[in-house]
Amino acid sequence: MNDGVLGRFALTGRRALVTGASRGLGRAFAAALAEAGADVATVARGHAEVSEAARAVSASTGRRAVGITANVTVRADVERMISETASQLGGLDILVNNAGICFHRPALDVPDSEWDQLFDTHVFGVWAASTAAARRMAAAGGGRRAAA
């Protein structure tokens, strides 16, 4: 893994968190990060599904993977998922904001309540997870702040 181009993308020793990781792209992102050498927290709302995703990622890659149940639209859940990831994996280096929802109907038939859920997940969830993760990473000496 450390030879050539792929070696430049090695993530050995890194700790990653992937939201929406119980299936689909999120699960694939978690597996890819683990294949590159990272330990991974798989996060989603369903406990059984996210736990199974973590088991599958760990079994297929040999990397440490933990399942964490959280809802990215709830600030307390976001803060807890960041804290649990750092605690269980020994830190946090990578965040993949993948959580998402979709309602399969014509846009003109989408009620405001469903739009609110979409906005909360796709915008607030990304904001909450990104800022909480950035605070954790900055406190650990990671990241970079723009000059004022």
Protein backbone atom coordinates (compact mmCIF):
# COMPACT_ATOMS: atom_id res chain seq x y z
CA MET A 1 0.00 0.00 0.00
CA ASN A 2 2.88 2.41 0.63
CA ASP A 3 4.35 2.13 -2.86
CA GLY A 4 3.64 4.56 -5.67
CA VAL A 5 0.51 6.63 -6.03
CA LEU A 6 -1.61 4.61 -3.61
CA GLY A 7 0.98 5.13 -0.90
CA ARG A 8 0.29 8.86 -1.04
CA PHE A 9 -3.29 8.11 -0.06
CA ALA A 10 -2.52 5.74 2.80
CA LEU A 11 -4.52 6.52 5.92
CA THR A 12 -2.66 4.31 8.37
CA GLY A 13 -3.06 5.67 11.88
CA ARG A 14 -5.94 7.97 10.93
CA ARG A 15 -9.41 7.90 12.52
CA ALA A 16 -12.46 8.58 10.36
CA LEU A 17 -16.17 9.14 10.97
CA VAL A 18 -18.71 8.53 8.20
CA THR A 19 -22.32 9.62 8.63
CA GLY A 20 -25.05 7.72 6.82
CA ALA A 21 -22.77 4.68 6.89
CA SER A 22 -25.29 1.91 7.45
CA ARG A 23 -25.71 1.23 3.72
CA GLY A 24 -25.02 2.43 0.19
CA LEU A 25 -22.36 5.04 -0.44
CA GLY A 26 -21.72 5.68 3.26
CA ARG A 27 -20.93 2.04 3.89
CA ALA A 28 -18.69 2.01 0.79
CA PHE A 29 -16.89 5.17 1.99
CA ALA A 30 -16.30 3.57 5.39
CA ALA A 31 -14.94 0.40 3.78
CA ALA A 32 -12.68 2.40 1.43
CA LEU A 33 -11.25 4.45 4.30
CA ALA A 34 -10.59 1.25 6.26
CA GLU A 35 -8.98 -0.38 3.22
CA ALA A 36 -6.68 2.64 3.05
CA GLY A 37 -5.68 1.99 6.67
CA ALA A 38 -8.00 4.16 8.77
CA ASP A 39 -10.00 3.05 11.78
CA VAL A 40 -13.61 4.02 11.17
CA ALA A 41 -16.74 5.04 13.06
CA THR A 42 -19.85 4.17 11.08
CA VAL A 43 -22.72 6.45 12.08
CA ALA A 44 -26.44 6.27 11.29
CA ARG A 45 -29.80 6.42 13.03
CA GLY A 46 -30.48 2.66 13.13
CA HIS A 47 -28.51 0.82 15.81
CA ALA A 48 -28.71 -2.66 14.29
CA GLU A 49 -27.83 -1.44 10.80
CA VAL A 50 -24.88 0.71 11.85
CA SER A 51 -23.53 -2.02 14.10
CA GLU A 52 -23.71 -4.52 11.23
CA ALA A 53 -21.96 -2.06 8.92
CA ALA A 54 -19.13 -1.67 11.45
CA ARG A 55 -18.80 -5.46 11.80
CA ALA A 56 -18.72 -5.89 8.01
CA VAL A 57 -16.12 -3.15 7.50
CA SER A 58 -13.92 -4.59 10.23
CA ALA A 59 -14.28 -8.17 8.95
CA SER A 60 -13.45 -7.24 5.36
CA THR A 61 -10.51 -4.94 6.11
CA GLY A 62 -9.06 -6.00 9.46
CA ARG A 63 -9.31 -2.39 10.67
CA ARG A 64 -11.10 -1.27 13.79
CA ALA A 65 -14.65 -0.12 13.08
CA VAL A 66 -17.22 1.01 15.62
CA GLY A 67 -20.91 1.63 15.11
CA ILE A 68 -22.40 4.76 16.63
CA THR A 69 -26.09 5.59 16.56
CA ALA A 70 -26.82 9.28 16.02
CA ASN A 71 -29.15 11.65 14.19
CA VAL A 72 -27.27 14.51 12.49
CA THR A 73 -30.30 16.80 12.84
CA VAL A 74 -29.96 16.77 16.64
CA ARG A 75 -27.04 18.87 17.93
CA ALA A 76 -26.66 16.78 21.11
CA ASP A 77 -26.40 13.61 18.99
CA VAL A 78 -23.78 15.23 16.78
CA GLU A 79 -21.68 16.33 19.75
CA ARG A 80 -21.97 12.83 21.24
CA MET A 81 -21.03 11.06 17.98
CA ILE A 82 -17.90 13.21 17.68
CA SER A 83 -16.99 12.59 21.33
CA GLU A 84 -17.66 8.83 21.11
CA THR A 85 -15.63 8.53 17.92
CA ALA A 86 -12.66 10.33 19.47
CA SER A 87 -12.96 8.28 22.65
CA GLN A 88 -13.33 4.89 20.97
CA LEU A 89 -10.80 5.44 18.18
CA GLY A 90 -8.33 7.64 20.03
CA GLY A 91 -9.04 10.81 18.07
CA LEU A 92 -10.66 12.10 14.90
CA ASP A 93 -8.87 13.04 11.69
CA ILE A 94 -11.44 12.62 8.90
CA LEU A 95 -15.15 13.42 8.60
CA VAL A 96 -17.30 12.26 5.70
CA ASN A 97 -20.72 13.96 5.71
CA ASN A 98 -22.82 11.42 3.87
CA ALA A 99 -26.10 11.29 5.80
CA GLY A 100 -29.05 12.07 3.60
CA ILE A 101 -32.73 11.49 3.07
CA CYS A 102 -34.97 11.58 0.04
CA PHE A 103 -38.69 11.64 -0.55
CA HIS A 104 -39.67 10.07 -3.83
CA ARG A 105 -42.41 12.30 -5.14
CA PRO A 106 -42.73 15.28 -7.48
CA ALA A 107 -41.31 18.46 -5.93
CA LEU A 108 -44.69 20.21 -6.07
CA ASP A 109 -46.14 17.44 -3.90
CA VAL A 110 -43.53 17.72 -1.13
CA PRO A 111 -45.10 19.20 2.03
CA ASP A 112 -43.18 21.74 4.11
CA SER A 113 -42.65 19.17 6.86
CA GLU A 114 -40.68 16.92 4.48
CA TRP A 115 -38.74 19.89 3.11
CA ASP A 116 -37.81 20.79 6.68
CA GLN A 117 -36.48 17.24 7.21
CA LEU A 118 -34.45 17.46 4.00
CA PHE A 119 -33.01 20.83 4.94
CA ASP A 120 -32.23 19.76 8.50
CA THR A 121 -30.39 16.65 7.31
CA HIS A 122 -28.59 18.01 4.24
CA VAL A 123 -27.71 21.48 5.50
CA PHE A 124 -27.90 21.64 9.29
CA GLY A 125 -26.52 18.10 9.67
CA VAL A 126 -23.48 18.93 7.54
CA TRP A 127 -22.96 22.22 9.41
CA ALA A 128 -23.33 20.65 12.86
CA ALA A 129 -21.06 17.69 12.12
CA SER A 130 -18.44 19.83 10.36
CA THR A 131 -18.20 22.44 13.10
CA ALA A 132 -18.19 19.86 15.92
CA ALA A 133 -15.52 17.80 14.16
CA ALA A 134 -13.46 20.89 13.34
CA ARG A 135 -13.47 21.98 16.98
CA ARG A 136 -12.24 18.52 18.03
CA MET A 137 -9.58 18.42 15.29
CA ALA A 138 -8.34 21.96 16.01
CA ALA A 139 -8.08 21.22 19.74
CA ALA A 140 -5.89 18.23 18.84
CA GLY A 141 -3.63 20.40 16.68
CA GLY A 142 -5.15 19.51 13.32
CA GLY A 143 -6.56 21.68 10.60
CA ARG A 144 -5.56 25.14 9.65
CA ARG A 145 -7.18 28.49 10.33
CA ALA A 146 -7.16 31.19 7.67
CA ALA A 147 -5.14 34.27 8.50
CA ALA A 148 -7.24 37.20 9.66
